Amino acid sequence: MEKRWKAAVITLSDKGYAGKREDRSGPLIKEMLEAKEYKVTEQILLPDEQEEIEKCLCRLCDAYSVDLILTTGGTGFSMKDRTPEATLAIADRNVPGIAEAMRFASLQITPRAMLSRGVSVIRKRTLIINLPGSPKAVRENLEYILPALSHGIGILSGSEGECGKDA
């Protein structure tokens, strides 16, 4: 399958960054994306530090080096969980439907899904989506949203017509 879109995967984990925990979610995201029409050009592991997250997101978006950024981790209630705040801080536009859809799908599996604070936004021409940190939740969420993402990214990149318009 020809790779149509460039993607980056960012894992947010103090323990993973310190080498105290293996990152299993980031590699799973990469595997799932590359099984579809995405080429993962960067896989990054960062600590739960809002300023570092913001700088990384800006670097990837402002150079328009990727069409899609998927983050994993940092979306819970822990005081260190700052991924949604970092993502919103650098956003040009909010895309609430994606995060709402992921929570809806996850609520069919566990009531704890309502505790996810993940967001989805656009900065310049890049779509950014916060995924939960667990591999199980990553798989469930990506399986639900991946079929629709290509169309949205196509519109964002200018390579496809607008939603709801006749071709």
N, C-alpha and C. Protein backbone atom coordinates (compact mmCIF):
# COMPACT_ATOMS: atom_id res chain seq x y z
N MET A 1 0.84 -1.18 0.00
CA MET A 1 0.00 0.00 0.00
C MET A 1 0.89 1.25 0.00
N GLU A 2 0.59 2.15 -0.93
CA GLU A 2 1.35 3.40 -0.99
C GLU A 2 1.01 4.27 0.21
N LYS A 3 2.03 4.85 0.81
CA LYS A 3 1.85 5.70 1.98
C LYS A 3 1.48 7.10 1.52
N ARG A 4 0.30 7.55 1.94
CA ARG A 4 -0.21 8.83 1.49
C ARG A 4 0.12 9.96 2.46
N TRP A 5 0.15 9.67 3.76
CA TRP A 5 0.29 10.70 4.78
C TRP A 5 1.51 10.45 5.65
N LYS A 6 2.13 11.55 6.10
CA LYS A 6 3.27 11.46 7.03
C LYS A 6 2.73 11.67 8.45
N ALA A 7 3.24 10.87 9.36
CA ALA A 7 2.77 10.95 10.74
C ALA A 7 3.94 10.93 11.71
N ALA A 8 3.69 11.47 12.89
CA ALA A 8 4.64 11.40 14.01
C ALA A 8 3.89 10.83 15.20
N VAL A 9 4.61 10.08 16.02
CA VAL A 9 4.06 9.49 17.23
C VAL A 9 4.89 10.01 18.40
N ILE A 10 4.20 10.56 19.40
CA ILE A 10 4.88 11.10 20.58
C ILE A 10 4.33 10.39 21.82
N THR A 11 5.21 9.71 22.54
CA THR A 11 4.83 9.09 23.81
C THR A 11 5.25 10.02 24.93
N LEU A 12 4.30 10.29 25.85
CA LEU A 12 4.56 11.16 26.99
C LEU A 12 4.58 10.29 28.24
N SER A 13 5.78 10.14 28.82
CA SER A 13 5.92 9.29 29.99
C SER A 13 7.22 9.61 30.70
N ASP A 14 7.12 10.05 31.95
CA ASP A 14 8.33 10.29 32.74
C ASP A 14 9.12 9.00 32.92
N LYS A 15 8.43 7.90 33.26
CA LYS A 15 9.11 6.62 33.48
C LYS A 15 9.71 6.08 32.20
N GLY A 16 8.99 6.21 31.09
CA GLY A 16 9.52 5.76 29.81
C GLY A 16 10.74 6.57 29.40
N TYR A 17 10.66 7.87 29.58
CA TYR A 17 11.77 8.76 29.24
C TYR A 17 13.01 8.45 30.08
N ALA A 18 12.79 8.08 31.34
CA ALA A 18 13.90 7.76 32.25
C ALA A 18 14.40 6.32 32.07
N GLY A 19 13.78 5.56 31.16
CA GLY A 19 14.21 4.19 30.93
C GLY A 19 13.71 3.21 31.98
N LYS A 20 12.71 3.60 32.75
CA LYS A 20 12.18 2.75 33.82
C LYS A 20 10.95 1.96 33.39
N ARG A 21 10.43 2.26 32.20
CA ARG A 21 9.28 1.54 31.68
C ARG A 21 9.40 1.48 30.16
N GLU A 22 9.10 0.33 29.61
CA GLU A 22 9.13 0.16 28.16
C GLU A 22 7.91 0.84 27.54
N ASP A 23 8.14 1.58 26.48
CA ASP A 23 7.04 2.21 25.74
C ASP A 23 6.45 1.16 24.81
N ARG A 24 5.25 0.74 25.10
CA ARG A 24 4.56 -0.22 24.23
C ARG A 24 3.50 0.45 23.37
N SER A 25 2.99 1.59 23.82
CA SER A 25 1.93 2.27 23.07
C SER A 25 2.45 2.94 21.81
N GLY A 26 3.59 3.63 21.91
CA GLY A 26 4.16 4.29 20.73
C GLY A 26 4.43 3.33 19.59
N PRO A 27 5.13 2.21 19.84
CA PRO A 27 5.36 1.24 18.76
C PRO A 27 4.06 0.65 18.20
N LEU A 28 3.05 0.46 19.05
CA LEU A 28 1.77 -0.05 18.58
C LEU A 28 1.11 0.95 17.63
N ILE A 29 1.14 2.22 17.99
CA ILE A 29 0.58 3.25 17.11
C ILE A 29 1.29 3.23 15.76
N LYS A 30 2.62 3.17 15.80
CA LYS A 30 3.39 3.14 14.55
C LYS A 30 2.99 1.93 13.70
N GLU A 31 2.88 0.79 14.32
CA GLU A 31 2.50 -0.43 13.60
C GLU A 31 1.12 -0.28 12.96
N MET A 32 0.17 0.23 13.72
CA MET A 32 -1.19 0.38 13.20
C MET A 32 -1.26 1.41 12.08
N LEU A 33 -0.54 2.51 12.21
CA LEU A 33 -0.53 3.52 11.16
C LEU A 33 0.10 2.98 9.88
N GLU A 34 1.23 2.30 10.03
CA GLU A 34 1.94 1.82 8.85
C GLU A 34 1.22 0.67 8.16
N ALA A 35 0.27 0.03 8.84
CA ALA A 35 -0.56 -0.99 8.20
C ALA A 35 -1.62 -0.32 7.32
N LYS A 36 -1.79 0.97 7.50
CA LYS A 36 -2.75 1.75 6.69
C LYS A 36 -1.95 2.64 5.73
N GLU A 37 -2.43 3.85 5.47
CA GLU A 37 -1.79 4.70 4.47
C GLU A 37 -0.88 5.77 5.07
N TYR A 38 -0.20 5.45 6.17
CA TYR A 38 0.64 6.41 6.87
C TYR A 38 2.09 5.94 6.93
N LYS A 39 2.99 6.89 6.79
CA LYS A 39 4.42 6.63 7.00
C LYS A 39 4.82 7.40 8.26
N VAL A 40 5.27 6.69 9.27
CA VAL A 40 5.69 7.33 10.51
C VAL A 40 7.12 7.81 10.33
N THR A 41 7.29 9.12 10.29
CA THR A 41 8.61 9.70 10.04
C THR A 41 9.35 10.02 11.33
N GLU A 42 8.61 10.15 12.43
CA GLU A 42 9.26 10.40 13.73
C GLU A 42 8.51 9.66 14.82
N GLN A 43 9.28 9.05 15.71
CA GLN A 43 8.73 8.42 16.91
C GLN A 43 9.52 8.99 18.07
N ILE A 44 8.83 9.71 18.97
CA ILE A 44 9.49 10.52 19.99
C ILE A 44 9.00 10.10 21.37
N LEU A 45 9.90 10.08 22.34
CA LEU A 45 9.56 9.80 23.72
C LEU A 45 9.97 11.00 24.55
N LEU A 46 8.99 11.60 25.24
CA LEU A 46 9.24 12.80 26.03
C LEU A 46 8.73 12.62 27.46
N PRO A 47 9.29 13.39 28.39
CA PRO A 47 8.74 13.39 29.76
C PRO A 47 7.44 14.20 29.79
N ASP A 48 6.70 14.04 30.87
CA ASP A 48 5.44 14.79 31.06
C ASP A 48 5.73 16.23 31.46
N GLU A 49 6.30 16.98 30.55
CA GLU A 49 6.64 18.39 30.79
C GLU A 49 5.96 19.23 29.72
N GLN A 50 5.00 20.04 30.13
CA GLN A 50 4.18 20.77 29.18
C GLN A 50 4.99 21.59 28.19
N GLU A 51 6.00 22.29 28.66
CA GLU A 51 6.79 23.14 27.76
C GLU A 51 7.50 22.31 26.69
N GLU A 52 8.04 21.16 27.06
CA GLU A 52 8.70 20.29 26.08
C GLU A 52 7.71 19.75 25.06
N ILE A 53 6.53 19.39 25.54
CA ILE A 53 5.49 18.87 24.64
C ILE A 53 5.11 19.96 23.64
N GLU A 54 4.87 21.17 24.13
CA GLU A 54 4.49 22.28 23.25
C GLU A 54 5.57 22.54 22.20
N LYS A 55 6.83 22.58 22.61
CA LYS A 55 7.93 22.83 21.66
C LYS A 55 7.98 21.75 20.59
N CYS A 56 7.82 20.50 20.98
CA CYS A 56 7.86 19.40 20.02
C CYS A 56 6.69 19.49 19.04
N LEU A 57 5.50 19.72 19.54
CA LEU A 57 4.33 19.85 18.66
C LEU A 57 4.51 21.00 17.68
N CYS A 58 4.97 22.13 18.17
CA CYS A 58 5.19 23.30 17.29
C CYS A 58 6.22 23.00 16.21
N ARG A 59 7.31 22.36 16.60
CA ARG A 59 8.36 22.03 15.63
C ARG A 59 7.80 21.17 14.50
N LEU A 60 7.04 20.16 14.84
CA LEU A 60 6.49 19.26 13.83
C LEU A 60 5.45 19.93 12.95
N CYS A 61 4.63 20.78 13.54
CA CYS A 61 3.56 21.44 12.77
C CYS A 61 4.06 22.63 11.97
N ASP A 62 4.90 23.45 12.56
CA ASP A 62 5.30 24.70 11.91
C ASP A 62 6.17 24.48 10.69
N ALA A 63 6.91 23.41 10.68
CA ALA A 63 7.71 23.06 9.50
C ALA A 63 6.88 22.24 8.51
N TYR A 64 5.62 21.97 8.89
CA TYR A 64 4.73 21.09 8.15
C TYR A 64 5.46 19.82 7.73
N SER A 65 6.09 19.21 8.73
CA SER A 65 6.83 17.99 8.44
C SER A 65 5.94 16.75 8.52
N VAL A 66 4.75 16.87 9.13
CA VAL A 66 3.83 15.74 9.21
C VAL A 66 2.39 16.22 9.05
N ASP A 67 1.55 15.31 8.57
CA ASP A 67 0.12 15.58 8.41
C ASP A 67 -0.65 15.25 9.68
N LEU A 68 -0.14 14.29 10.45
CA LEU A 68 -0.84 13.78 11.62
C LEU A 68 0.16 13.56 12.75
N ILE A 69 -0.20 14.00 13.95
CA ILE A 69 0.56 13.69 15.15
C ILE A 69 -0.37 12.97 16.11
N LEU A 70 0.04 11.79 16.54
CA LEU A 70 -0.69 11.06 17.56
C LEU A 70 0.17 11.03 18.81
N THR A 71 -0.39 11.52 19.91
CA THR A 71 0.30 11.44 21.19
C THR A 71 -0.31 10.30 21.98
N THR A 72 0.45 9.73 22.89
CA THR A 72 -0.06 8.71 23.78
C THR A 72 0.46 8.99 25.19
N GLY A 73 -0.46 8.98 26.14
CA GLY A 73 -0.10 9.24 27.53
C GLY A 73 -0.37 10.67 27.93
N GLY A 74 -0.45 10.86 29.25
CA GLY A 74 -0.60 12.20 29.80
C GLY A 74 -2.00 12.77 29.71
N THR A 75 -3.02 11.90 29.55
CA THR A 75 -4.39 12.39 29.38
C THR A 75 -5.28 12.10 30.58
N GLY A 76 -4.71 11.60 31.66
CA GLY A 76 -5.50 11.23 32.83
C GLY A 76 -5.61 12.34 33.85
N PHE A 77 -5.85 11.95 35.09
CA PHE A 77 -6.09 12.90 36.18
C PHE A 77 -4.85 13.17 37.02
N SER A 78 -3.73 12.51 36.76
CA SER A 78 -2.52 12.75 37.53
C SER A 78 -2.10 14.21 37.38
N MET A 79 -1.51 14.76 38.43
CA MET A 79 -1.04 16.14 38.38
C MET A 79 0.01 16.35 37.29
N LYS A 80 0.72 15.29 36.90
CA LYS A 80 1.75 15.39 35.85
C LYS A 80 1.15 15.30 34.44
N ASP A 81 -0.08 14.86 34.32
CA ASP A 81 -0.71 14.69 33.01
C ASP A 81 -1.06 16.04 32.41
N ARG A 82 -0.25 16.50 31.44
CA ARG A 82 -0.41 17.84 30.86
C ARG A 82 -0.53 17.81 29.33
N THR A 83 -0.71 16.63 28.77
CA THR A 83 -0.78 16.54 27.31
C THR A 83 -1.93 17.36 26.71
N PRO A 84 -3.16 17.26 27.24
CA PRO A 84 -4.23 18.09 26.65
C PRO A 84 -3.95 19.59 26.78
N GLU A 85 -3.40 20.01 27.90
CA GLU A 85 -3.10 21.44 28.08
C GLU A 85 -2.05 21.91 27.08
N ALA A 86 -1.01 21.10 26.88
CA ALA A 86 0.03 21.45 25.90
C ALA A 86 -0.55 21.49 24.49
N THR A 87 -1.39 20.54 24.17
CA THR A 87 -1.99 20.47 22.83
C THR A 87 -2.90 21.67 22.58
N LEU A 88 -3.74 22.01 23.55
CA LEU A 88 -4.63 23.16 23.39
C LEU A 88 -3.87 24.48 23.33
N ALA A 89 -2.75 24.55 24.04
CA ALA A 89 -1.97 25.79 24.07
C ALA A 89 -1.39 26.15 22.70
N ILE A 90 -1.14 25.15 21.86
CA ILE A 90 -0.51 25.43 20.57
C ILE A 90 -1.51 25.35 19.41
N ALA A 91 -2.77 25.08 19.72
CA ALA A 91 -3.78 24.84 18.68
C ALA A 91 -4.22 26.11 17.98
N ASP A 92 -4.50 25.99 16.68
CA ASP A 92 -5.17 27.03 15.92
C ASP A 92 -6.69 26.82 15.96
N ARG A 93 -7.10 25.55 15.86
CA ARG A 93 -8.52 25.22 15.83
C ARG A 93 -8.77 23.92 16.60
N ASN A 94 -9.91 23.86 17.26
CA ASN A 94 -10.31 22.68 17.99
C ASN A 94 -11.07 21.73 17.05
N VAL A 95 -10.91 20.43 17.25
CA VAL A 95 -11.61 19.40 16.49
C VAL A 95 -12.24 18.44 17.51
N PRO A 96 -13.27 18.89 18.23
CA PRO A 96 -13.79 18.10 19.34
C PRO A 96 -14.41 16.76 18.95
N GLY A 97 -14.89 16.65 17.73
CA GLY A 97 -15.58 15.41 17.34
C GLY A 97 -14.73 14.16 17.44
N ILE A 98 -13.44 14.27 17.15
CA ILE A 98 -12.58 13.09 17.19
C ILE A 98 -12.43 12.60 18.63
N ALA A 99 -12.11 13.50 19.55
CA ALA A 99 -11.97 13.11 20.95
C ALA A 99 -13.29 12.62 21.52
N GLU A 100 -14.40 13.26 21.13
CA GLU A 100 -15.72 12.82 21.59
C GLU A 100 -16.03 11.42 21.07
N ALA A 101 -15.69 11.16 19.81
CA ALA A 101 -15.94 9.84 19.22
C ALA A 101 -15.12 8.76 19.93
N MET A 102 -13.88 9.08 20.26
CA MET A 102 -13.05 8.09 20.97
C MET A 102 -13.63 7.79 22.34
N ARG A 103 -14.06 8.82 23.07
CA ARG A 103 -14.66 8.59 24.38
C ARG A 103 -15.96 7.79 24.25
N PHE A 104 -16.77 8.11 23.25
CA PHE A 104 -18.01 7.37 23.02
C PHE A 104 -17.72 5.89 22.78
N ALA A 105 -16.79 5.61 21.88
CA ALA A 105 -16.45 4.22 21.57
C ALA A 105 -15.90 3.51 22.81
N SER A 106 -15.06 4.18 23.55
CA SER A 106 -14.46 3.58 24.74
C SER A 106 -15.48 3.36 25.85
N LEU A 107 -16.49 4.22 25.92
CA LEU A 107 -17.53 4.05 26.94
C LEU A 107 -18.33 2.78 26.72
N GLN A 108 -18.33 2.26 25.50
CA GLN A 108 -19.00 0.99 25.22
C GLN A 108 -18.22 -0.17 25.85
N ILE A 109 -16.97 0.09 26.21
CA ILE A 109 -16.09 -0.94 26.76
C ILE A 109 -15.90 -0.77 28.28
N THR A 110 -15.71 0.49 28.72
CA THR A 110 -15.48 0.75 30.14
C THR A 110 -16.02 2.12 30.53
N PRO A 111 -16.67 2.22 31.70
CA PRO A 111 -17.13 3.54 32.15
C PRO A 111 -15.98 4.48 32.50
N ARG A 112 -14.80 3.95 32.68
CA ARG A 112 -13.63 4.80 32.99
C ARG A 112 -13.22 5.67 31.80
N ALA A 113 -13.75 5.38 30.62
CA ALA A 113 -13.42 6.19 29.44
C ALA A 113 -13.80 7.65 29.65
N MET A 114 -14.79 7.91 30.47
CA MET A 114 -15.21 9.30 30.71
C MET A 114 -14.13 10.09 31.44
N LEU A 115 -13.13 9.42 31.97
CA LEU A 115 -12.05 10.09 32.69
C LEU A 115 -10.92 10.55 31.76
N SER A 116 -10.99 10.16 30.49
CA SER A 116 -9.96 10.60 29.54
C SER A 116 -10.14 12.08 29.23
N ARG A 117 -9.04 12.82 29.25
CA ARG A 117 -9.08 14.25 28.96
C ARG A 117 -8.48 14.58 27.60
N GLY A 118 -8.23 13.57 26.78
CA GLY A 118 -7.60 13.78 25.48
C GLY A 118 -8.38 14.74 24.61
N VAL A 119 -7.66 15.49 23.78
CA VAL A 119 -8.25 16.44 22.86
C VAL A 119 -7.73 16.17 21.44
N SER A 120 -8.38 16.81 20.48
CA SER A 120 -7.92 16.75 19.09
C SER A 120 -8.01 18.17 18.53
N VAL A 121 -6.95 18.58 17.84
CA VAL A 121 -6.86 19.96 17.35
C VAL A 121 -6.14 20.00 16.00
N ILE A 122 -6.17 21.18 15.41
CA ILE A 122 -5.40 21.47 14.20
C ILE A 122 -4.45 22.61 14.51
N ARG A 123 -3.21 22.46 14.09
CA ARG A 123 -2.25 23.57 14.07
C ARG A 123 -1.72 23.63 12.64
N LYS A 124 -1.91 24.76 12.02
CA LYS A 124 -1.54 24.97 10.62
C LYS A 124 -2.21 23.89 9.77
N ARG A 125 -1.44 22.97 9.18
CA ARG A 125 -2.01 21.90 8.34
C ARG A 125 -1.81 20.52 8.96
N THR A 126 -1.64 20.47 10.28
CA THR A 126 -1.41 19.21 10.96
C THR A 126 -2.52 18.92 11.95
N LEU A 127 -3.04 17.71 11.90
CA LEU A 127 -4.03 17.23 12.85
C LEU A 127 -3.30 16.57 14.02
N ILE A 128 -3.66 16.94 15.24
CA ILE A 128 -3.04 16.38 16.45
C ILE A 128 -4.14 15.72 17.27
N ILE A 129 -3.91 14.47 17.66
CA ILE A 129 -4.88 13.72 18.44
C ILE A 129 -4.18 13.11 19.65
N ASN A 130 -4.75 13.34 20.84
CA ASN A 130 -4.25 12.74 22.08
C ASN A 130 -4.93 11.39 22.29
N LEU A 131 -4.13 10.34 22.38
CA LEU A 131 -4.64 9.01 22.70
C LEU A 131 -4.30 8.68 24.15
N PRO A 132 -5.03 7.76 24.75
CA PRO A 132 -4.68 7.32 26.10
C PRO A 132 -3.29 6.64 26.10
N GLY A 133 -2.82 6.31 27.29
CA GLY A 133 -1.48 5.74 27.41
C GLY A 133 -1.38 4.23 27.33
N SER A 134 -2.47 3.52 27.59
CA SER A 134 -2.38 2.06 27.61
C SER A 134 -2.48 1.49 26.20
N PRO A 135 -1.71 0.44 25.91
CA PRO A 135 -1.79 -0.18 24.58
C PRO A 135 -3.20 -0.65 24.24
N LYS A 136 -3.93 -1.20 25.20
CA LYS A 136 -5.30 -1.67 24.94
C LYS A 136 -6.19 -0.50 24.49
N ALA A 137 -6.14 0.60 25.21
CA ALA A 137 -6.95 1.76 24.85
C ALA A 137 -6.49 2.38 23.53
N VAL A 138 -5.20 2.39 23.28
CA VAL A 138 -4.67 2.89 22.01
C VAL A 138 -5.27 2.10 20.86
N ARG A 139 -5.21 0.76 20.96
CA ARG A 139 -5.73 -0.09 19.88
C ARG A 139 -7.23 0.16 19.66
N GLU A 140 -7.99 0.18 20.74
CA GLU A 140 -9.44 0.38 20.63
C GLU A 140 -9.78 1.73 20.00
N ASN A 141 -9.09 2.77 20.42
CA ASN A 141 -9.37 4.11 19.89
C ASN A 141 -8.94 4.23 18.44
N LEU A 142 -7.76 3.76 18.10
CA LEU A 142 -7.29 3.88 16.71
C LEU A 142 -8.15 3.06 15.76
N GLU A 143 -8.55 1.88 16.17
CA GLU A 143 -9.42 1.08 15.30
C GLU A 143 -10.71 1.82 15.00
N TYR A 144 -11.18 2.60 15.94
CA TYR A 144 -12.42 3.34 15.75
C TYR A 144 -12.25 4.57 14.85
N ILE A 145 -11.17 5.32 15.02
CA ILE A 145 -11.04 6.59 14.29
C ILE A 145 -10.28 6.51 12.98
N LEU A 146 -9.38 5.55 12.82
CA LEU A 146 -8.54 5.52 11.60
C LEU A 146 -9.33 5.53 10.29
N PRO A 147 -10.44 4.81 10.18
CA PRO A 147 -11.16 4.83 8.89
C PRO A 147 -11.60 6.23 8.43
N ALA A 148 -11.85 7.14 9.35
CA ALA A 148 -12.33 8.48 8.97
C ALA A 148 -11.21 9.51 8.84
N LEU A 149 -10.05 9.25 9.40
CA LEU A 149 -9.00 10.27 9.45
C LEU A 149 -8.47 10.69 8.09
N SER A 150 -8.31 9.75 7.18
CA SER A 150 -7.73 10.06 5.89
C SER A 150 -8.52 11.16 5.16
N HIS A 151 -9.83 11.09 5.23
CA HIS A 151 -10.65 12.10 4.56
C HIS A 151 -10.42 13.48 5.18
N GLY A 152 -10.40 13.55 6.50
CA GLY A 152 -10.16 14.83 7.17
C GLY A 152 -8.80 15.40 6.87
N ILE A 153 -7.80 14.54 6.86
CA ILE A 153 -6.43 15.00 6.55
C ILE A 153 -6.36 15.45 5.10
N GLY A 154 -7.08 14.76 4.23
CA GLY A 154 -7.12 15.17 2.82
C GLY A 154 -7.69 16.56 2.65
N ILE A 155 -8.74 16.87 3.38
CA ILE A 155 -9.34 18.21 3.33
C ILE A 155 -8.36 19.23 3.90
N LEU A 156 -7.77 18.91 5.04
CA LEU A 156 -6.83 19.81 5.70
C LEU A 156 -5.62 20.12 4.81
N SER A 157 -5.15 19.12 4.11
CA SER A 157 -3.97 19.30 3.24
C SER A 157 -4.32 19.99 1.92
N GLY A 158 -5.60 20.06 1.60
CA GLY A 158 -6.02 20.66 0.34
C GLY A 158 -6.07 19.70 -0.82
N SER A 159 -5.82 18.40 -0.57
CA SER A 159 -5.82 17.43 -1.65
C SER A 159 -7.19 16.81 -1.91
N GLU A 160 -8.18 17.09 -1.04
CA GLU A 160 -9.54 16.58 -1.23
C GLU A 160 -10.53 17.72 -1.07
N GLY A 161 -11.71 17.53 -1.61
CA GLY A 161 -12.77 18.51 -1.48
C GLY A 161 -13.28 18.59 -0.04
N GLU A 162 -14.13 19.55 0.21
CA GLU A 162 -14.66 19.77 1.55
C GLU A 162 -15.73 18.73 1.89
N CYS A 163 -15.93 18.53 3.20
CA CYS A 163 -16.99 17.63 3.67
C CYS A 163 -18.34 18.14 3.19
N GLY A 164 -19.18 17.22 2.75
CA GLY A 164 -20.53 17.59 2.38
C GLY A 164 -20.68 18.24 1.02
N LYS A 165 -19.59 18.48 0.32
CA LYS A 165 -19.66 19.10 -1.00
C LYS A 165 -19.65 18.00 -2.07
N ASP A 166 -20.41 18.22 -3.14
CA ASP A 166 -20.39 17.27 -4.25
C ASP A 166 -19.09 17.43 -5.02
N ALA A 167 -18.55 16.31 -5.43
CA ALA A 167 -17.27 16.35 -6.16
C ALA A 167 -17.47 16.75 -7.59
